[in-house]
Amino acid sequence: RAIPNQPASQRELSLIVDAPVLWSSVESLVRTSAGPHLELIRFFDLYRGRPIPAGKKSLHFGLTYRATDRTLTHEEVDQSQKAVISVCKEKLNAELRGE
């Protein structure tokens, strides 16, 4: 693959989900909802314990967005992030950690 000539936008999310939810389920939802500019998803951390409620866990991951033909605007990346959060809330009953 060629070296990209457009800058990437990096974002991170921490979601609180039910303990049985698999990372693969979250990753799949993110890939289908983030839009065409999602380049990479990186899992960073799983956390259980205070202040996360019993029966829940926190998943922390990074997202890289990039267009091949131009620089993405903050608004475009924000829209993708909002779509990811909305779908995760709807399908997985996820909550943003720190909200």
PDB file of N, CA and C in Angstrom:
ATOM      1  N   ARG A   1       0.848  -1.180   0.000  1.00  0.00           N
ATOM      2  CA  ARG A   1       0.000   0.000   0.000  1.00  0.00           C
ATOM      3  C   ARG A   1       0.885   1.233   0.000  1.00  0.00           C
ATOM      4  N   ALA A   2       0.504   2.225  -0.750  1.00  0.00           N
ATOM      5  CA  ALA A   2       1.286   3.462  -0.855  1.00  0.00           C
ATOM      6  C   ALA A   2       1.205   4.272   0.436  1.00  0.00           C
ATOM      7  N   ILE A   3       2.229   5.058   0.672  1.00  0.00           N
ATOM      8  CA  ILE A   3       2.228   5.958   1.827  1.00  0.00           C
ATOM      9  C   ILE A   3       1.176   7.035   1.581  1.00  0.00           C
ATOM     10  N   PRO A   4       0.278   7.259   2.563  1.00  0.00           N
ATOM     11  CA  PRO A   4      -0.777   8.265   2.369  1.00  0.00           C
ATOM     12  C   PRO A   4      -0.198   9.662   2.206  1.00  0.00           C
ATOM     13  N   ASN A   5      -0.828  10.450   1.335  1.00  0.00           N
ATOM     14  CA  ASN A   5      -0.383  11.825   1.155  1.00  0.00           C
ATOM     15  C   ASN A   5      -1.355  12.821   1.782  1.00  0.00           C
ATOM     16  N   GLN A   6      -2.359  12.330   2.491  1.00  0.00           N
ATOM     17  CA  GLN A   6      -3.306  13.185   3.200  1.00  0.00           C
ATOM     18  C   GLN A   6      -3.183  12.925   4.702  1.00  0.00           C
ATOM     19  N   PRO A   7      -3.377  13.948   5.528  1.00  0.00           N
ATOM     20  CA  PRO A   7      -3.264  13.749   6.968  1.00  0.00           C
ATOM     21  C   PRO A   7      -4.440  12.950   7.525  1.00  0.00           C
ATOM     22  N   ALA A   8      -4.172  12.243   8.602  1.00  0.00           N
ATOM     23  CA  ALA A   8      -5.204  11.475   9.284  1.00  0.00           C
ATOM     24  C   ALA A   8      -5.746  12.275  10.465  1.00  0.00           C
ATOM     25  N   SER A   9      -6.955  11.954  10.860  1.00  0.00           N
ATOM     26  CA  SER A   9      -7.547  12.510  12.081  1.00  0.00           C
ATOM     27  C   SER A   9      -7.710  11.369  13.070  1.00  0.00           C
ATOM     28  N   GLN A  10      -7.188  11.569  14.263  1.00  0.00           N
ATOM     29  CA  GLN A  10      -7.234  10.543  15.303  1.00  0.00           C
ATOM     30  C   GLN A  10      -8.287  10.917  16.334  1.00  0.00           C
ATOM     31  N   ARG A  11      -9.072   9.965  16.739  1.00  0.00           N
ATOM     32  CA  ARG A  11     -10.043  10.148  17.821  1.00  0.00           C
ATOM     33  C   ARG A  11      -9.987   8.938  18.723  1.00  0.00           C
ATOM     34  N   GLU A  12     -10.435   9.112  19.961  1.00  0.00           N
ATOM     35  CA  GLU A  12     -10.523   8.011  20.909  1.00  0.00           C
ATOM     36  C   GLU A  12     -11.901   7.996  21.536  1.00  0.00           C
ATOM     37  N   LEU A  13     -12.353   6.792  21.890  1.00  0.00           N
ATOM     38  CA  LEU A  13     -13.629   6.612  22.573  1.00  0.00           C
ATOM     39  C   LEU A  13     -13.456   5.640  23.720  1.00  0.00           C
ATOM     40  N   SER A  14     -14.164   5.889  24.804  1.00  0.00           N
ATOM     41  CA  SER A  14     -14.290   4.940  25.899  1.00  0.00           C
ATOM     42  C   SER A  14     -15.770   4.690  26.078  1.00  0.00           C
ATOM     43  N   LEU A  15     -16.168   3.441  25.876  1.00  0.00           N
ATOM     44  CA  LEU A  15     -17.567   3.064  26.002  1.00  0.00           C
ATOM     45  C   LEU A  15     -17.743   2.096  27.152  1.00  0.00           C
ATOM     46  N   ILE A  16     -18.805   2.284  27.905  1.00  0.00           N
ATOM     47  CA  ILE A  16     -19.179   1.347  28.957  1.00  0.00           C
ATOM     48  C   ILE A  16     -20.270   0.459  28.376  1.00  0.00           C
ATOM     49  N   VAL A  17     -19.996  -0.845  28.405  1.00  0.00           N
ATOM     50  CA  VAL A  17     -20.924  -1.833  27.850  1.00  0.00           C
ATOM     51  C   VAL A  17     -21.139  -2.939  28.877  1.00  0.00           C
ATOM     52  N   ASP A  18     -22.164  -3.754  28.644  1.00  0.00           N
ATOM     53  CA  ASP A  18     -22.386  -4.915  29.500  1.00  0.00           C
ATOM     54  C   ASP A  18     -21.187  -5.853  29.403  1.00  0.00           C
ATOM     55  N   ALA A  19     -20.857  -6.507  30.503  1.00  0.00           N
ATOM     56  CA  ALA A  19     -19.672  -7.370  30.566  1.00  0.00           C
ATOM     57  C   ALA A  19     -19.635  -8.448  29.481  1.00  0.00           C
ATOM     58  N   PRO A  20     -20.757  -9.062  29.097  1.00  0.00           N
ATOM     59  CA  PRO A  20     -20.684 -10.111  28.065  1.00  0.00           C
ATOM     60  C   PRO A  20     -20.426  -9.606  26.640  1.00  0.00           C
ATOM     61  N   VAL A  21     -20.521  -8.307  26.388  1.00  0.00           N
ATOM     62  CA  VAL A  21     -20.334  -7.775  25.038  1.00  0.00           C
ATOM     63  C   VAL A  21     -18.887  -8.009  24.594  1.00  0.00           C
ATOM     64  N   LEU A  22     -18.739  -8.601  23.430  1.00  0.00           N
ATOM     65  CA  LEU A  22     -17.409  -8.896  22.888  1.00  0.00           C
ATOM     66  C   LEU A  22     -16.856  -7.702  22.119  1.00  0.00           C
ATOM     67  N   TRP A  23     -15.523  -7.555  22.163  1.00  0.00           N
ATOM     68  CA  TRP A  23     -14.872  -6.498  21.401  1.00  0.00           C
ATOM     69  C   TRP A  23     -15.200  -6.641  19.921  1.00  0.00           C
ATOM     70  N   SER A  24     -15.265  -7.857  19.419  1.00  0.00           N
ATOM     71  CA  SER A  24     -15.549  -8.071  17.999  1.00  0.00           C
ATOM     72  C   SER A  24     -16.912  -7.497  17.608  1.00  0.00           C
ATOM     73  N   SER A  25     -17.872  -7.533  18.514  1.00  0.00           N
ATOM     74  CA  SER A  25     -19.188  -6.936  18.244  1.00  0.00           C
ATOM     75  C   SER A  25     -19.089  -5.420  18.156  1.00  0.00           C
ATOM     76  N   VAL A  26     -18.349  -4.831  19.067  1.00  0.00           N
ATOM     77  CA  VAL A  26     -18.159  -3.383  19.059  1.00  0.00           C
ATOM     78  C   VAL A  26     -17.418  -2.976  17.792  1.00  0.00           C
ATOM     79  N   GLU A  27     -16.336  -3.671  17.485  1.00  0.00           N
ATOM     80  CA  GLU A  27     -15.540  -3.345  16.305  1.00  0.00           C
ATOM     81  C   GLU A  27     -16.384  -3.434  15.029  1.00  0.00           C
ATOM     82  N   SER A  28     -17.196  -4.457  14.927  1.00  0.00           N
ATOM     83  CA  SER A  28     -18.047  -4.618  13.748  1.00  0.00           C
ATOM     84  C   SER A  28     -19.038  -3.458  13.602  1.00  0.00           C
ATOM     85  N   LEU A  29     -19.671  -3.079  14.707  1.00  0.00           N
ATOM     86  CA  LEU A  29     -20.601  -1.941  14.670  1.00  0.00           C
ATOM     87  C   LEU A  29     -19.891  -0.645  14.294  1.00  0.00           C
ATOM     88  N   VAL A  30     -18.714  -0.443  14.833  1.00  0.00           N
ATOM     89  CA  VAL A  30     -17.948   0.767  14.529  1.00  0.00           C
ATOM     90  C   VAL A  30     -17.610   0.798  13.040  1.00  0.00           C
ATOM     91  N   ARG A  31     -17.144  -0.308  12.503  1.00  0.00           N
ATOM     92  CA  ARG A  31     -16.773  -0.354  11.079  1.00  0.00           C
ATOM     93  C   ARG A  31     -17.963  -0.052  10.168  1.00  0.00           C
ATOM     94  N   THR A  32     -19.143  -0.552  10.525  1.00  0.00           N
ATOM     95  CA  THR A  32     -20.313  -0.343   9.671  1.00  0.00           C
ATOM     96  C   THR A  32     -20.938   1.034   9.839  1.00  0.00           C
ATOM     97  N   SER A  33     -20.687   1.699  10.957  1.00  0.00           N
ATOM     98  CA  SER A  33     -21.354   2.982  11.219  1.00  0.00           C
ATOM     99  C   SER A  33     -20.461   4.205  11.050  1.00  0.00           C
ATOM    100  N   ALA A  34     -19.153   4.034  11.001  1.00  0.00           N
ATOM    101  CA  ALA A  34     -18.232   5.178  10.987  1.00  0.00           C
ATOM    102  C   ALA A  34     -18.143   5.879   9.638  1.00  0.00           C
ATOM    103  N   GLY A  35     -18.572   5.229   8.588  1.00  0.00           N
ATOM    104  CA  GLY A  35     -18.510   5.860   7.281  1.00  0.00           C
ATOM    105  C   GLY A  35     -17.281   5.463   6.496  1.00  0.00           C
ATOM    106  N   PRO A  36     -17.175   5.984   5.283  1.00  0.00           N
ATOM    107  CA  PRO A  36     -16.138   5.529   4.350  1.00  0.00           C
ATOM    108  C   PRO A  36     -14.714   5.987   4.671  1.00  0.00           C
ATOM    109  N   HIS A  37     -14.550   6.925   5.575  1.00  0.00           N
ATOM    110  CA  HIS A  37     -13.215   7.460   5.834  1.00  0.00           C
ATOM    111  C   HIS A  37     -12.515   6.790   7.024  1.00  0.00           C
ATOM    112  N   LEU A  38     -13.182   5.819   7.646  1.00  0.00           N
ATOM    113  CA  LEU A  38     -12.521   5.098   8.734  1.00  0.00           C
ATOM    114  C   LEU A  38     -11.409   4.244   8.151  1.00  0.00           C
ATOM    115  N   GLU A  39     -10.206   4.471   8.634  1.00  0.00           N
ATOM    116  CA  GLU A  39      -9.040   3.748   8.126  1.00  0.00           C
ATOM    117  C   GLU A  39      -8.600   2.645   9.079  1.00  0.00           C
ATOM    118  N   LEU A  40      -8.699   2.903  10.385  1.00  0.00           N
ATOM    119  CA  LEU A  40      -8.132   1.983  11.358  1.00  0.00           C
ATOM    120  C   LEU A  40      -8.872   2.097  12.692  1.00  0.00           C
ATOM    121  N   ILE A  41      -9.047   0.954  13.343  1.00  0.00           N
ATOM    122  CA  ILE A  41      -9.556   0.906  14.717  1.00  0.00           C
ATOM    123  C   ILE A  41      -8.481   0.199  15.537  1.00  0.00           C
ATOM    124  N   ARG A  42      -8.125   0.797  16.667  1.00  0.00           N
ATOM    125  CA  ARG A  42      -7.138   0.189  17.555  1.00  0.00           C
ATOM    126  C   ARG A  42      -7.707   0.046  18.950  1.00  0.00           C
ATOM    127  N   PHE A  43      -7.735  -1.180  19.442  1.00  0.00           N
ATOM    128  CA  PHE A  43      -8.163  -1.447  20.804  1.00  0.00           C
ATOM    129  C   PHE A  43      -7.025  -1.084  21.743  1.00  0.00           C
ATOM    130  N   PHE A  44      -7.333  -0.285  22.782  1.00  0.00           N
ATOM    131  CA  PHE A  44      -6.310   0.126  23.734  1.00  0.00           C
ATOM    132  C   PHE A  44      -6.430  -0.569  25.089  1.00  0.00           C
ATOM    133  N   ASP A  45      -7.666  -0.640  25.609  1.00  0.00           N
ATOM    134  CA  ASP A  45      -7.775  -1.058  27.006  1.00  0.00           C
ATOM    135  C   ASP A  45      -9.167  -1.566  27.325  1.00  0.00           C
ATOM    136  N   LEU A  46      -9.219  -2.530  28.216  1.00  0.00           N
ATOM    137  CA  LEU A  46     -10.453  -2.998  28.830  1.00  0.00           C
ATOM    138  C   LEU A  46     -10.302  -2.764  30.327  1.00  0.00           C
ATOM    139  N   TYR A  47     -11.313  -2.163  30.936  1.00  0.00           N
ATOM    140  CA  TYR A  47     -11.235  -1.883  32.369  1.00  0.00           C
ATOM    141  C   TYR A  47     -12.526  -2.313  33.047  1.00  0.00           C
ATOM    142  N   ARG A  48     -12.355  -2.999  34.173  1.00  0.00           N
ATOM    143  CA  ARG A  48     -13.465  -3.339  35.074  1.00  0.00           C
ATOM    144  C   ARG A  48     -13.060  -2.898  36.465  1.00  0.00           C
ATOM    145  N   GLY A  49     -13.999  -2.398  37.194  1.00  0.00           N
ATOM    146  CA  GLY A  49     -13.706  -1.936  38.551  1.00  0.00           C
ATOM    147  C   GLY A  49     -14.254  -0.541  38.761  1.00  0.00           C
ATOM    148  N   ARG A  50     -14.026  -0.016  39.945  1.00  0.00           N
ATOM    149  CA  ARG A  50     -14.551   1.302  40.273  1.00  0.00           C
ATOM    150  C   ARG A  50     -13.966   2.352  39.345  1.00  0.00           C
ATOM    151  N   PRO A  51     -14.727   3.253  38.826  1.00  0.00           N
ATOM    152  CA  PRO A  51     -16.138   3.555  39.068  1.00  0.00           C
ATOM    153  C   PRO A  51     -17.102   2.885  38.078  1.00  0.00           C
ATOM    154  N   ILE A  52     -16.643   1.896  37.317  1.00  0.00           N
ATOM    155  CA  ILE A  52     -17.513   1.191  36.371  1.00  0.00           C
ATOM    156  C   ILE A  52     -18.467   0.301  37.171  1.00  0.00           C
ATOM    157  N   PRO A  53     -19.775   0.376  36.883  1.00  0.00           N
ATOM    158  CA  PRO A  53     -20.739  -0.433  37.641  1.00  0.00           C
ATOM    159  C   PRO A  53     -20.483  -1.940  37.484  1.00  0.00           C
ATOM    160  N   ALA A  54     -20.898  -2.697  38.482  1.00  0.00           N
ATOM    161  CA  ALA A  54     -20.799  -4.156  38.430  1.00  0.00           C
ATOM    162  C   ALA A  54     -21.583  -4.657  37.218  1.00  0.00           C
ATOM    163  N   GLY A  55     -21.039  -5.672  36.561  1.00  0.00           N
ATOM    164  CA  GLY A  55     -21.690  -6.221  35.386  1.00  0.00           C
ATOM    165  C   GLY A  55     -21.404  -5.457  34.110  1.00  0.00           C
ATOM    166  N   LYS A  56     -20.550  -4.445  34.206  1.00  0.00           N
ATOM    167  CA  LYS A  56     -20.191  -3.608  33.049  1.00  0.00           C
ATOM    168  C   LYS A  56     -18.672  -3.616  32.884  1.00  0.00           C
ATOM    169  N   LYS A  57     -18.218  -3.136  31.737  1.00  0.00           N
ATOM    170  CA  LYS A  57     -16.793  -2.952  31.490  1.00  0.00           C
ATOM    171  C   LYS A  57     -16.624  -1.741  30.581  1.00  0.00           C
ATOM    172  N   SER A  58     -15.444  -1.175  30.609  1.00  0.00           N
ATOM    173  CA  SER A  58     -15.118  -0.032  29.766  1.00  0.00           C
ATOM    174  C   SER A  58     -14.146  -0.490  28.685  1.00  0.00           C
ATOM    175  N   LEU A  59     -14.462  -0.160  27.443  1.00  0.00           N
ATOM    176  CA  LEU A  59     -13.594  -0.445  26.312  1.00  0.00           C
ATOM    177  C   LEU A  59     -13.074   0.880  25.767  1.00  0.00           C
ATOM    178  N   HIS A  60     -11.768   0.994  25.681  1.00  0.00           N
ATOM    179  CA  HIS A  60     -11.140   2.220  25.194  1.00  0.00           C
ATOM    180  C   HIS A  60     -10.450   1.883  23.878  1.00  0.00           C
ATOM    181  N   PHE A  61     -10.746   2.668  22.824  1.00  0.00           N
ATOM    182  CA  PHE A  61     -10.170   2.380  21.519  1.00  0.00           C
ATOM    183  C   PHE A  61      -9.982   3.654  20.721  1.00  0.00           C
ATOM    184  N   GLY A  62      -9.110   3.571  19.746  1.00  0.00           N
ATOM    185  CA  GLY A  62      -8.807   4.710  18.889  1.00  0.00           C
ATOM    186  C   GLY A  62      -9.312   4.476  17.485  1.00  0.00           C
ATOM    187  N   LEU A  63      -9.666   5.572  16.827  1.00  0.00           N
ATOM    188  CA  LEU A  63     -10.141   5.531  15.449  1.00  0.00           C
ATOM    189  C   LEU A  63      -9.302   6.488  14.613  1.00  0.00           C
ATOM    190  N   THR A  64      -8.925   6.040  13.442  1.00  0.00           N
ATOM    191  CA  THR A  64      -8.184   6.875  12.504  1.00  0.00           C
ATOM    192  C   THR A  64      -9.046   7.068  11.267  1.00  0.00           C
ATOM    193  N   TYR A  65      -9.255   8.322  10.917  1.00  0.00           N
ATOM    194  CA  TYR A  65     -10.029   8.684   9.731  1.00  0.00           C
ATOM    195  C   TYR A  65      -9.099   9.357   8.727  1.00  0.00           C
ATOM    196  N   ARG A  66      -9.303   9.047   7.438  1.00  0.00           N
ATOM    197  CA  ARG A  66      -8.492   9.678   6.404  1.00  0.00           C
ATOM    198  C   ARG A  66      -9.237   9.586   5.068  1.00  0.00           C
ATOM    199  N   ALA A  67      -9.197  10.648   4.312  1.00  0.00           N
ATOM    200  CA  ALA A  67      -9.680  10.639   2.930  1.00  0.00           C
ATOM    201  C   ALA A  67      -8.461  10.516   2.031  1.00  0.00           C
ATOM    202  N   THR A  68      -8.616   9.848   0.928  1.00  0.00           N
ATOM    203  CA  THR A  68      -7.469   9.667   0.030  1.00  0.00           C
ATOM    204  C   THR A  68      -7.213  10.875  -0.861  1.00  0.00           C
ATOM    205  N   ASP A  69      -8.220  11.744  -0.994  1.00  0.00           N
ATOM    206  CA  ASP A  69      -8.111  12.831  -1.964  1.00  0.00           C
ATOM    207  C   ASP A  69      -8.061  14.231  -1.358  1.00  0.00           C
ATOM    208  N   ARG A  70      -8.225  14.328  -0.022  1.00  0.00           N
ATOM    209  CA  ARG A  70      -8.282  15.651   0.597  1.00  0.00           C
ATOM    210  C   ARG A  70      -8.155  15.513   2.109  1.00  0.00           C
ATOM    211  N   THR A  71      -8.034  16.635   2.783  1.00  0.00           N
ATOM    212  CA  THR A  71      -8.026  16.660   4.239  1.00  0.00           C
ATOM    213  C   THR A  71      -9.464  16.688   4.730  1.00  0.00           C
ATOM    214  N   LEU A  72      -9.774  15.795   5.655  1.00  0.00           N
ATOM    215  CA  LEU A  72     -11.115  15.788   6.231  1.00  0.00           C
ATOM    216  C   LEU A  72     -11.298  16.989   7.152  1.00  0.00           C
ATOM    217  N   THR A  73     -12.502  17.509   7.207  1.00  0.00           N
ATOM    218  CA  THR A  73     -12.805  18.604   8.126  1.00  0.00           C
ATOM    219  C   THR A  73     -13.134  18.029   9.498  1.00  0.00           C
ATOM    220  N   HIS A  74     -13.023  18.862  10.524  1.00  0.00           N
ATOM    221  CA  HIS A  74     -13.408  18.444  11.873  1.00  0.00           C
ATOM    222  C   HIS A  74     -14.875  18.041  11.900  1.00  0.00           C
ATOM    223  N   GLU A  75     -15.691  18.747  11.150  1.00  0.00           N
ATOM    224  CA  GLU A  75     -17.122  18.461  11.126  1.00  0.00           C
ATOM    225  C   GLU A  75     -17.402  17.069  10.563  1.00  0.00           C
ATOM    226  N   GLU A  76     -16.666  16.681   9.526  1.00  0.00           N
ATOM    227  CA  GLU A  76     -16.848  15.352   8.938  1.00  0.00           C
ATOM    228  C   GLU A  76     -16.474  14.254   9.935  1.00  0.00           C
ATOM    229  N   VAL A  77     -15.354  14.441  10.617  1.00  0.00           N
ATOM    230  CA  VAL A  77     -14.913  13.450  11.590  1.00  0.00           C
ATOM    231  C   VAL A  77     -15.875  13.429  12.777  1.00  0.00           C
ATOM    232  N   ASP A  78     -16.323  14.601  13.232  1.00  0.00           N
ATOM    233  CA  ASP A  78     -17.300  14.661  14.324  1.00  0.00           C
ATOM    234  C   ASP A  78     -18.586  13.929  13.953  1.00  0.00           C
ATOM    235  N   GLN A  79     -19.028  14.088  12.720  1.00  0.00           N
ATOM    236  CA  GLN A  79     -20.244  13.412  12.260  1.00  0.00           C
ATOM    237  C   GLN A  79     -20.060  11.891  12.303  1.00  0.00           C
ATOM    238  N   SER A  80     -18.907  11.410  11.898  1.00  0.00           N
ATOM    239  CA  SER A  80     -18.624   9.976  11.953  1.00  0.00           C
ATOM    240  C   SER A  80     -18.605   9.482  13.397  1.00  0.00           C
ATOM    241  N   GLN A  81     -17.971  10.247  14.271  1.00  0.00           N
ATOM    242  CA  GLN A  81     -17.919   9.877  15.687  1.00  0.00           C
ATOM    243  C   GLN A  81     -19.325   9.814  16.286  1.00  0.00           C
ATOM    244  N   LYS A  82     -20.143  10.799  15.968  1.00  0.00           N
ATOM    245  CA  LYS A  82     -21.518  10.814  16.478  1.00  0.00           C
ATOM    246  C   LYS A  82     -22.301   9.611  15.975  1.00  0.00           C
ATOM    247  N   ALA A  83     -22.081   9.220  14.731  1.00  0.00           N
ATOM    248  CA  ALA A  83     -22.758   8.044  14.182  1.00  0.00           C
ATOM    249  C   ALA A  83     -22.329   6.784  14.931  1.00  0.00           C
ATOM    250  N   VAL A  84     -21.043   6.650  15.205  1.00  0.00           N
ATOM    251  CA  VAL A  84     -20.526   5.499  15.943  1.00  0.00           C
ATOM    252  C   VAL A  84     -21.159   5.440  17.331  1.00  0.00           C
ATOM    253  N   ILE A  85     -21.149   6.554  18.034  1.00  0.00           N
ATOM    254  CA  ILE A  85     -21.701   6.603  19.387  1.00  0.00           C
ATOM    255  C   ILE A  85     -23.190   6.276  19.371  1.00  0.00           C
ATOM    256  N   SER A  86     -23.911   6.844  18.436  1.00  0.00           N
ATOM    257  CA  SER A  86     -25.351   6.614  18.337  1.00  0.00           C
ATOM    258  C   SER A  86     -25.672   5.138  18.108  1.00  0.00           C
ATOM    259  N   VAL A  87     -24.969   4.505  17.187  1.00  0.00           N
ATOM    260  CA  VAL A  87     -25.223   3.091  16.895  1.00  0.00           C
ATOM    261  C   VAL A  87     -24.845   2.217  18.081  1.00  0.00           C
ATOM    262  N   CYS A  88     -23.747   2.516  18.737  1.00  0.00           N
ATOM    263  CA  CYS A  88     -23.339   1.727  19.906  1.00  0.00           C
ATOM    264  C   CYS A  88     -24.343   1.877  21.050  1.00  0.00           C
ATOM    265  N   LYS A  89     -24.873   3.075  21.237  1.00  0.00           N
ATOM    266  CA  LYS A  89     -25.900   3.277  22.260  1.00  0.00           C
ATOM    267  C   LYS A  89     -27.152   2.486  21.909  1.00  0.00           C
ATOM    268  N   GLU A  90     -27.554   2.552  20.638  1.00  0.00           N
ATOM    269  CA  GLU A  90     -28.774   1.889  20.199  1.00  0.00           C
ATOM    270  C   GLU A  90     -28.674   0.368  20.228  1.00  0.00           C
ATOM    271  N   LYS A  91     -27.583  -0.164  19.681  1.00  0.00           N
ATOM    272  CA  LYS A  91     -27.447  -1.619  19.517  1.00  0.00           C
ATOM    273  C   LYS A  91     -26.879  -2.343  20.732  1.00  0.00           C
ATOM    274  N   LEU A  92     -26.023  -1.654  21.490  1.00  0.00           N
ATOM    275  CA  LEU A  92     -25.337  -2.303  22.603  1.00  0.00           C
ATOM    276  C   LEU A  92     -25.695  -1.714  23.963  1.00  0.00           C
ATOM    277  N   ASN A  93     -26.566  -0.714  23.964  1.00  0.00           N
ATOM    278  CA  ASN A  93     -26.899  -0.013  25.196  1.00  0.00           C
ATOM    279  C   ASN A  93     -25.625   0.560  25.852  1.00  0.00           C
ATOM    280  N   ALA A  94     -24.697   1.005  25.011  1.00  0.00           N
ATOM    281  CA  ALA A  94     -23.413   1.544  25.488  1.00  0.00           C
ATOM    282  C   ALA A  94     -23.605   2.959  25.998  1.00  0.00           C
ATOM    283  N   GLU A  95     -22.706   3.330  26.901  1.00  0.00           N
ATOM    284  CA  GLU A  95     -22.646   4.698  27.422  1.00  0.00           C
ATOM    285  C   GLU A  95     -21.244   5.217  27.202  1.00  0.00           C
ATOM    286  N   LEU A  96     -21.125   6.515  26.937  1.00  0.00           N
ATOM    287  CA  LEU A  96     -19.797   7.118  26.870  1.00  0.00           C
ATOM    288  C   LEU A  96     -19.236   7.223  28.287  1.00  0.00           C
ATOM    289  N   ARG A  97     -18.027   6.771  28.458  1.00  0.00           N
ATOM    290  CA  ARG A  97     -17.395   6.894  29.776  1.00  0.00           C
ATOM    291  C   ARG A  97     -17.028   8.356  29.986  1.00  0.00           C
ATOM    292  N   GLY A  98     -17.366   8.869  31.148  1.00  0.00           N
ATOM    293  CA  GLY A  98     -17.056  10.256  31.456  1.00  0.00           C
ATOM    294  C   GLY A  98     -18.193  11.212  31.162  1.00  0.00           C
ATOM    295  N   GLU A  99     -19.295  10.699  30.679  1.00  0.00           N
ATOM    296  CA  GLU A  99     -20.450  11.584  30.409  1.00  0.00           C
ATOM    297  C   GLU A  99     -21.200  11.849  31.669  1.00  0.00           C
TER     298      GLU A  99
END
